[in-house]
Amino acid sequence: MHIVKIGGSLTYDAKPLLKTLKDYAKENNKNIVIIPGGGEFANVVRKIDKFLNLSNSLSHKLAIKCMDLIGEIYSEIGNIKAYDTLFNLKREINKEKIAILLPSKILISTDISEHSWDVTSDSLSLYIGNLLDVKEIIIATDVDGIYDKFPGGKLLNIINANEIQGLTSVDKTFPILLKKFKMTAYVVNGKYPQRVIDILEGKPNIYTKIVID
């Protein structure tokens, strides 16, 4: 099983990637689970939180629900079935080959993550990956990967999770969880679907691979 987290930053550009992943999964008999980011909906929650000073628990809960909203959008524009439980997803994935997970029910009921803006949908996708017992995850976003500095820095082909610091395309908690769950991650520009396919195929292309010790 492969997990591809498609960030909310790709909301308006996700359709080609969704189609490519669906075609690839069916043609190559691969099981792919798509986890959505929170996108503009989560940004609205951030804005309201900043203005009204919501509790950490409420803002965390609302931001997680935003992932479901983007997931519903991805489901419709990609013509891919969405599931809100791991039981249903696992039962159907071998037949469908590709599925979108609406994660709020799982994440809220298990309460397995810190209630903080340091934990975004990137880190939450790692929790889901751990529940599904996968060892690799692809983070599709709107940048080419991780840079040594931003803007104007050099794109890194590979980086150790221990070396990730400062401004990057993943949240602060992501490298910590990556090490905890002993997973490998790839950060890739989802506007170029072939780059995502090449990661699934183990081929070189433009992306950043994050490894652990």
C-alpha atoms as a PDB file:
ATOM      1  CA  MET A   1       0.000   0.000   0.000  1.00  0.00           C
ATOM      2  CA  HIS A   2       1.217   3.496  -0.861  1.00  0.00           C
ATOM      3  CA  ILE A   3       0.158   6.736   0.803  1.00  0.00           C
ATOM      4  CA  VAL A   4       0.144  10.020  -1.090  1.00  0.00           C
ATOM      5  CA  LYS A   5      -0.732  13.094   0.938  1.00  0.00           C
ATOM      6  CA  ILE A   6      -1.991  15.775  -1.440  1.00  0.00           C
ATOM      7  CA  GLY A   7      -1.708  19.137   0.243  1.00  0.00           C
ATOM      8  CA  GLY A   8      -4.442  21.711   0.244  1.00  0.00           C
ATOM      9  CA  SER A   9      -2.050  24.015  -1.595  1.00  0.00           C
ATOM     10  CA  LEU A  10      -2.791  21.860  -4.657  1.00  0.00           C
ATOM     11  CA  THR A  11      -6.575  22.216  -4.414  1.00  0.00           C
ATOM     12  CA  TYR A  12      -6.859  24.062  -7.730  1.00  0.00           C
ATOM     13  CA  ASP A  13      -4.206  21.924  -9.442  1.00  0.00           C
ATOM     14  CA  ALA A  14      -4.946  18.440  -8.080  1.00  0.00           C
ATOM     15  CA  LYS A  15      -7.133  17.044 -10.867  1.00  0.00           C
ATOM     16  CA  PRO A  16      -4.286  15.921 -13.199  1.00  0.00           C
ATOM     17  CA  LEU A  17      -2.456  14.269 -10.289  1.00  0.00           C
ATOM     18  CA  LEU A  18      -5.588  12.491  -9.117  1.00  0.00           C
ATOM     19  CA  LYS A  19      -6.268  11.170 -12.624  1.00  0.00           C
ATOM     20  CA  THR A  20      -2.664  10.047 -13.055  1.00  0.00           C
ATOM     21  CA  LEU A  21      -2.650   8.232  -9.712  1.00  0.00           C
ATOM     22  CA  LYS A  22      -5.983   6.559 -10.462  1.00  0.00           C
ATOM     23  CA  ASP A  23      -4.809   5.346 -13.858  1.00  0.00           C
ATOM     24  CA  TYR A  24      -1.472   4.185 -12.456  1.00  0.00           C
ATOM     25  CA  ALA A  25      -3.067   2.277  -9.573  1.00  0.00           C
ATOM     26  CA  LYS A  26      -5.473   0.389 -11.821  1.00  0.00           C
ATOM     27  CA  GLU A  27      -2.976  -0.304 -14.614  1.00  0.00           C
ATOM     28  CA  ASN A  28      -0.237  -1.516 -12.257  1.00  0.00           C
ATOM     29  CA  ASN A  29      -2.378  -3.218  -9.606  1.00  0.00           C
ATOM     30  CA  LYS A  30      -1.109  -0.883  -6.867  1.00  0.00           C
ATOM     31  CA  ASN A  31      -3.070   0.167  -3.805  1.00  0.00           C
ATOM     32  CA  ILE A  32      -2.878   3.931  -3.244  1.00  0.00           C
ATOM     33  CA  VAL A  33      -4.442   5.840  -0.361  1.00  0.00           C
ATOM     34  CA  ILE A  34      -4.751   9.597  -0.742  1.00  0.00           C
ATOM     35  CA  ILE A  35      -4.785  11.776   2.368  1.00  0.00           C
ATOM     36  CA  PRO A  36      -5.924  15.370   1.825  1.00  0.00           C
ATOM     37  CA  GLY A  37      -4.544  18.515   3.397  1.00  0.00           C
ATOM     38  CA  GLY A  38      -6.714  21.190   4.977  1.00  0.00           C
ATOM     39  CA  GLY A  39      -6.091  23.885   2.386  1.00  0.00           C
ATOM     40  CA  GLU A  40      -7.893  27.203   2.479  1.00  0.00           C
ATOM     41  CA  PHE A  41     -10.442  25.865   4.943  1.00  0.00           C
ATOM     42  CA  ALA A  42      -7.686  25.328   7.517  1.00  0.00           C
ATOM     43  CA  ASN A  43      -6.367  28.827   6.826  1.00  0.00           C
ATOM     44  CA  VAL A  44      -9.794  30.203   7.748  1.00  0.00           C
ATOM     45  CA  VAL A  45      -9.640  28.290  11.040  1.00  0.00           C
ATOM     46  CA  ARG A  46      -6.181  29.770  11.686  1.00  0.00           C
ATOM     47  CA  LYS A  47      -7.536  33.263  11.056  1.00  0.00           C
ATOM     48  CA  ILE A  48     -10.519  32.769  13.356  1.00  0.00           C
ATOM     49  CA  ASP A  49      -8.289  31.201  16.009  1.00  0.00           C
ATOM     50  CA  LYS A  50      -5.911  34.158  15.867  1.00  0.00           C
ATOM     51  CA  PHE A  51      -8.763  36.671  16.188  1.00  0.00           C
ATOM     52  CA  LEU A  52     -10.887  34.868  18.805  1.00  0.00           C
ATOM     53  CA  ASN A  53      -8.114  32.959  20.628  1.00  0.00           C
ATOM     54  CA  LEU A  54      -9.830  29.589  20.438  1.00  0.00           C
ATOM     55  CA  SER A  55      -8.717  26.718  22.629  1.00  0.00           C
ATOM     56  CA  ASN A  56      -6.005  24.497  21.190  1.00  0.00           C
ATOM     57  CA  SER A  57      -8.368  21.533  21.265  1.00  0.00           C
ATOM     58  CA  LEU A  58     -11.108  23.263  19.281  1.00  0.00           C
ATOM     59  CA  SER A  59      -8.818  24.743  16.635  1.00  0.00           C
ATOM     60  CA  HIS A  60      -7.127  21.329  16.286  1.00  0.00           C
ATOM     61  CA  LYS A  61     -10.496  19.609  15.862  1.00  0.00           C
ATOM     62  CA  LEU A  62     -11.737  22.126  13.305  1.00  0.00           C
ATOM     63  CA  ALA A  63      -8.495  21.977  11.294  1.00  0.00           C
ATOM     64  CA  ILE A  64      -8.751  18.193  11.098  1.00  0.00           C
ATOM     65  CA  LYS A  65     -12.312  18.478   9.810  1.00  0.00           C
ATOM     66  CA  CYS A  66     -10.984  20.759   7.068  1.00  0.00           C
ATOM     67  CA  MET A  67      -9.033  17.776   5.717  1.00  0.00           C
ATOM     68  CA  ASP A  68     -12.351  16.012   5.144  1.00  0.00           C
ATOM     69  CA  LEU A  69     -13.663  18.991   3.174  1.00  0.00           C
ATOM     70  CA  ILE A  70     -10.690  18.973   0.805  1.00  0.00           C
ATOM     71  CA  GLY A  71     -10.975  15.193   0.607  1.00  0.00           C
ATOM     72  CA  GLU A  72     -14.587  15.484  -0.545  1.00  0.00           C
ATOM     73  CA  ILE A  73     -13.461  17.900  -3.257  1.00  0.00           C
ATOM     74  CA  TYR A  74     -10.678  15.559  -4.373  1.00  0.00           C
ATOM     75  CA  SER A  75     -13.149  12.674  -4.403  1.00  0.00           C
ATOM     76  CA  GLU A  76     -15.494  14.506  -6.754  1.00  0.00           C
ATOM     77  CA  ILE A  77     -12.967  16.007  -9.171  1.00  0.00           C
ATOM     78  CA  GLY A  78     -10.936  12.795  -9.280  1.00  0.00           C
ATOM     79  CA  ASN A  79     -13.924  10.419  -9.377  1.00  0.00           C
ATOM     80  CA  ILE A  80     -12.328   8.446  -6.557  1.00  0.00           C
ATOM     81  CA  LYS A  81     -14.310   6.910  -3.696  1.00  0.00           C
ATOM     82  CA  ALA A  82     -13.774   8.372  -0.230  1.00  0.00           C
ATOM     83  CA  TYR A  83     -13.923   6.500   3.079  1.00  0.00           C
ATOM     84  CA  ASP A  84     -14.026   7.766   6.648  1.00  0.00           C
ATOM     85  CA  THR A  85     -12.919   4.588   8.439  1.00  0.00           C
ATOM     86  CA  LEU A  86      -9.905   2.337   8.018  1.00  0.00           C
ATOM     87  CA  PHE A  87     -12.190  -0.693   8.144  1.00  0.00           C
ATOM     88  CA  ASN A  88     -14.118   0.361   5.043  1.00  0.00           C
ATOM     89  CA  LEU A  89     -10.985   1.538   3.270  1.00  0.00           C
ATOM     90  CA  LYS A  90      -9.161  -1.749   3.834  1.00  0.00           C
ATOM     91  CA  ARG A  91     -12.232  -3.713   2.787  1.00  0.00           C
ATOM     92  CA  GLU A  92     -12.553  -1.848  -0.519  1.00  0.00           C
ATOM     93  CA  ILE A  93      -8.996  -0.904  -1.494  1.00  0.00           C
ATOM     94  CA  ASN A  94      -8.110  -4.195  -3.191  1.00  0.00           C
ATOM     95  CA  LYS A  95     -11.125  -3.789  -5.466  1.00  0.00           C
ATOM     96  CA  GLU A  96     -10.916  -0.039  -6.080  1.00  0.00           C
ATOM     97  CA  LYS A  97      -7.060   0.129  -6.054  1.00  0.00           C
ATOM     98  CA  ILE A  98      -7.230   3.808  -5.033  1.00  0.00           C
ATOM     99  CA  ALA A  99      -9.126   5.582  -2.268  1.00  0.00           C
ATOM    100  CA  ILE A 100      -9.351   8.917  -0.518  1.00  0.00           C
ATOM    101  CA  LEU A 101      -9.351   8.807   3.266  1.00  0.00           C
ATOM    102  CA  LEU A 102     -11.440  11.374   5.129  1.00  0.00           C
ATOM    103  CA  PRO A 103      -9.431  11.230   8.350  1.00  0.00           C
ATOM    104  CA  SER A 104     -11.329  13.325  10.899  1.00  0.00           C
ATOM    105  CA  LYS A 105     -13.325  10.476  12.462  1.00  0.00           C
ATOM    106  CA  ILE A 106     -10.135   8.454  12.994  1.00  0.00           C
ATOM    107  CA  LEU A 107      -7.953  11.305  14.226  1.00  0.00           C
ATOM    108  CA  ILE A 108     -10.533  12.875  16.522  1.00  0.00           C
ATOM    109  CA  SER A 109     -11.782   9.616  18.056  1.00  0.00           C
ATOM    110  CA  THR A 110      -8.275   8.302  18.745  1.00  0.00           C
ATOM    111  CA  ASP A 111      -6.873  11.727  19.739  1.00  0.00           C
ATOM    112  CA  ILE A 112      -3.386  10.491  18.857  1.00  0.00           C
ATOM    113  CA  SER A 113      -1.776  13.820  18.045  1.00  0.00           C
ATOM    114  CA  GLU A 114      -0.752  16.944  19.897  1.00  0.00           C
ATOM    115  CA  HIS A 115      -3.292  19.790  19.843  1.00  0.00           C
ATOM    116  CA  SER A 116      -1.090  22.399  18.214  1.00  0.00           C
ATOM    117  CA  TRP A 117      -0.550  24.277  14.956  1.00  0.00           C
ATOM    118  CA  ASP A 118       2.890  22.617  14.947  1.00  0.00           C
ATOM    119  CA  VAL A 119       0.982  19.498  13.883  1.00  0.00           C
ATOM    120  CA  THR A 120      -0.442  20.081  10.412  1.00  0.00           C
ATOM    121  CA  SER A 121      -1.893  17.636   7.903  1.00  0.00           C
ATOM    122  CA  ASP A 122       1.681  16.586   7.027  1.00  0.00           C
ATOM    123  CA  SER A 123       2.245  15.120  10.479  1.00  0.00           C
ATOM    124  CA  LEU A 124      -1.307  13.844  10.713  1.00  0.00           C
ATOM    125  CA  SER A 125      -0.717  11.842   7.526  1.00  0.00           C
ATOM    126  CA  LEU A 126       2.189  10.125   9.294  1.00  0.00           C
ATOM    127  CA  TYR A 127      -0.140   9.028  12.085  1.00  0.00           C
ATOM    128  CA  ILE A 128      -2.443   7.513   9.464  1.00  0.00           C
ATOM    129  CA  GLY A 129       0.519   5.889   7.731  1.00  0.00           C
ATOM    130  CA  ASN A 130       1.574   4.322  11.008  1.00  0.00           C
ATOM    131  CA  LEU A 131      -1.940   2.957  11.557  1.00  0.00           C
ATOM    132  CA  LEU A 132      -1.793   1.438   8.061  1.00  0.00           C
ATOM    133  CA  ASP A 133       1.695   0.062   8.759  1.00  0.00           C
ATOM    134  CA  VAL A 134       3.371   1.684   5.752  1.00  0.00           C
ATOM    135  CA  LYS A 135       7.017   2.707   5.821  1.00  0.00           C
ATOM    136  CA  GLU A 136       7.005   5.372   3.100  1.00  0.00           C
ATOM    137  CA  ILE A 137       4.858   8.402   2.476  1.00  0.00           C
ATOM    138  CA  ILE A 138       4.739  10.897  -0.371  1.00  0.00           C
ATOM    139  CA  ILE A 139       3.968  14.527   0.427  1.00  0.00           C
ATOM    140  CA  ALA A 140       2.704  16.193  -2.748  1.00  0.00           C
ATOM    141  CA  THR A 141       2.752  19.964  -2.407  1.00  0.00           C
ATOM    142  CA  ASP A 142       3.248  23.094  -4.533  1.00  0.00           C
ATOM    143  CA  VAL A 143       7.066  23.273  -4.250  1.00  0.00           C
ATOM    144  CA  ASP A 144       9.744  21.015  -5.730  1.00  0.00           C
ATOM    145  CA  GLY A 145      10.969  19.701  -2.370  1.00  0.00           C
ATOM    146  CA  ILE A 146      13.035  20.901   0.587  1.00  0.00           C
ATOM    147  CA  TYR A 147      15.607  23.649   0.094  1.00  0.00           C
ATOM    148  CA  ASP A 148      18.690  24.460   2.163  1.00  0.00           C
ATOM    149  CA  LYS A 149      17.243  27.959   2.458  1.00  0.00           C
ATOM    150  CA  PHE A 150      14.164  29.658   1.118  1.00  0.00           C
ATOM    151  CA  PRO A 151      13.788  31.596  -1.078  1.00  0.00           C
ATOM    152  CA  GLY A 152      16.739  31.289  -3.408  1.00  0.00           C
ATOM    153  CA  GLY A 153      18.222  28.166  -1.899  1.00  0.00           C
ATOM    154  CA  LYS A 154      19.382  24.870  -3.344  1.00  0.00           C
ATOM    155  CA  LEU A 155      16.943  21.997  -3.726  1.00  0.00           C
ATOM    156  CA  LEU A 156      18.083  19.026  -1.653  1.00  0.00           C
ATOM    157  CA  ASN A 157      17.821  15.601  -3.293  1.00  0.00           C
ATOM    158  CA  ILE A 158      18.103  13.863   0.075  1.00  0.00           C
ATOM    159  CA  ILE A 159      18.173  15.009   3.689  1.00  0.00           C
ATOM    160  CA  ASN A 160      18.277  13.329   7.072  1.00  0.00           C
ATOM    161  CA  ALA A 161      15.292  14.045   9.311  1.00  0.00           C
ATOM    162  CA  ASN A 162      17.718  15.231  11.992  1.00  0.00           C
ATOM    163  CA  GLU A 163      18.906  18.024   9.699  1.00  0.00           C
ATOM    164  CA  ILE A 164      15.508  19.537   8.940  1.00  0.00           C
ATOM    165  CA  GLN A 165      15.181  22.892  10.627  1.00  0.00           C
ATOM    166  CA  GLY A 166      13.949  26.381   9.898  1.00  0.00           C
ATOM    167  CA  LEU A 167      11.642  27.179   7.005  1.00  0.00           C
ATOM    168  CA  THR A 168      10.730  24.049   5.042  1.00  0.00           C
ATOM    169  CA  SER A 169       7.685  22.651   3.286  1.00  0.00           C
ATOM    170  CA  VAL A 170       6.842  20.305   6.193  1.00  0.00           C
ATOM    171  CA  ASP A 171       5.784  21.195   9.728  1.00  0.00           C
ATOM    172  CA  LYS A 172       8.000  21.163  12.834  1.00  0.00           C
ATOM    173  CA  THR A 173       6.636  17.902  14.175  1.00  0.00           C
ATOM    174  CA  PHE A 174       7.018  15.997  10.903  1.00  0.00           C
ATOM    175  CA  PRO A 175      10.710  14.963  11.262  1.00  0.00           C
ATOM    176  CA  ILE A 176      10.116  13.957  14.889  1.00  0.00           C
ATOM    177  CA  LEU A 177       7.278  11.634  13.941  1.00  0.00           C
ATOM    178  CA  LEU A 178       9.176  10.341  10.927  1.00  0.00           C
ATOM    179  CA  LYS A 179      11.900   9.086  13.262  1.00  0.00           C
ATOM    180  CA  LYS A 180       9.399   7.793  15.817  1.00  0.00           C
ATOM    181  CA  PHE A 181       7.538   5.735  13.226  1.00  0.00           C
ATOM    182  CA  LYS A 182      10.723   4.770  11.343  1.00  0.00           C
ATOM    183  CA  MET A 183       9.375   5.985   8.019  1.00  0.00           C
ATOM    184  CA  THR A 184      10.843   7.492   4.863  1.00  0.00           C
ATOM    185  CA  ALA A 185       9.199  10.483   3.210  1.00  0.00           C
ATOM    186  CA  TYR A 186       9.324  12.202  -0.168  1.00  0.00           C
ATOM    187  CA  VAL A 187       8.422  15.843  -0.756  1.00  0.00           C
ATOM    188  CA  VAL A 188       7.473  16.496  -4.362  1.00  0.00           C
ATOM    189  CA  ASN A 189       5.709  19.072  -6.518  1.00  0.00           C
ATOM    190  CA  GLY A 190       2.309  17.580  -7.253  1.00  0.00           C
ATOM    191  CA  LYS A 191       1.785  19.891 -10.222  1.00  0.00           C
ATOM    192  CA  TYR A 192       4.041  17.454 -12.088  1.00  0.00           C
ATOM    193  CA  PRO A 193       2.300  14.056 -11.724  1.00  0.00           C
ATOM    194  CA  GLN A 194       5.119  12.112 -13.381  1.00  0.00           C
ATOM    195  CA  ARG A 195       7.421  13.055 -10.518  1.00  0.00           C
ATOM    196  CA  VAL A 196       5.039  11.358  -8.099  1.00  0.00           C
ATOM    197  CA  ILE A 197       4.834   8.284 -10.320  1.00  0.00           C
ATOM    198  CA  ASP A 198       8.623   8.091 -10.503  1.00  0.00           C
ATOM    199  CA  ILE A 199       8.775   8.007  -6.696  1.00  0.00           C
ATOM    200  CA  LEU A 200       6.316   5.102  -6.707  1.00  0.00           C
ATOM    201  CA  GLU A 201       8.504   3.424  -9.314  1.00  0.00           C
ATOM    202  CA  GLY A 202      11.736   4.109  -7.440  1.00  0.00           C
ATOM    203  CA  LYS A 203      13.075   6.275 -10.254  1.00  0.00           C
ATOM    204  CA  PRO A 204      15.053   9.520  -9.985  1.00  0.00           C
ATOM    205  CA  ASN A 205      13.380  12.835 -10.644  1.00  0.00           C
ATOM    206  CA  ILE A 206      12.988  16.237  -8.986  1.00  0.00           C
ATOM    207  CA  TYR A 207      11.989  15.711  -5.345  1.00  0.00           C
ATOM    208  CA  THR A 208      13.483  15.478  -1.849  1.00  0.00           C
ATOM    209  CA  LYS A 209      13.837  12.197  -0.020  1.00  0.00           C
ATOM    210  CA  ILE A 210      13.816  12.423   3.806  1.00  0.00           C
ATOM    211  CA  VAL A 211      15.595   9.552   5.520  1.00  0.00           C
ATOM    212  CA  ILE A 212      16.198   8.613   9.157  1.00  0.00           C
ATOM    213  CA  ASP A 213      19.270   7.214  10.881  1.00  0.00           C
END
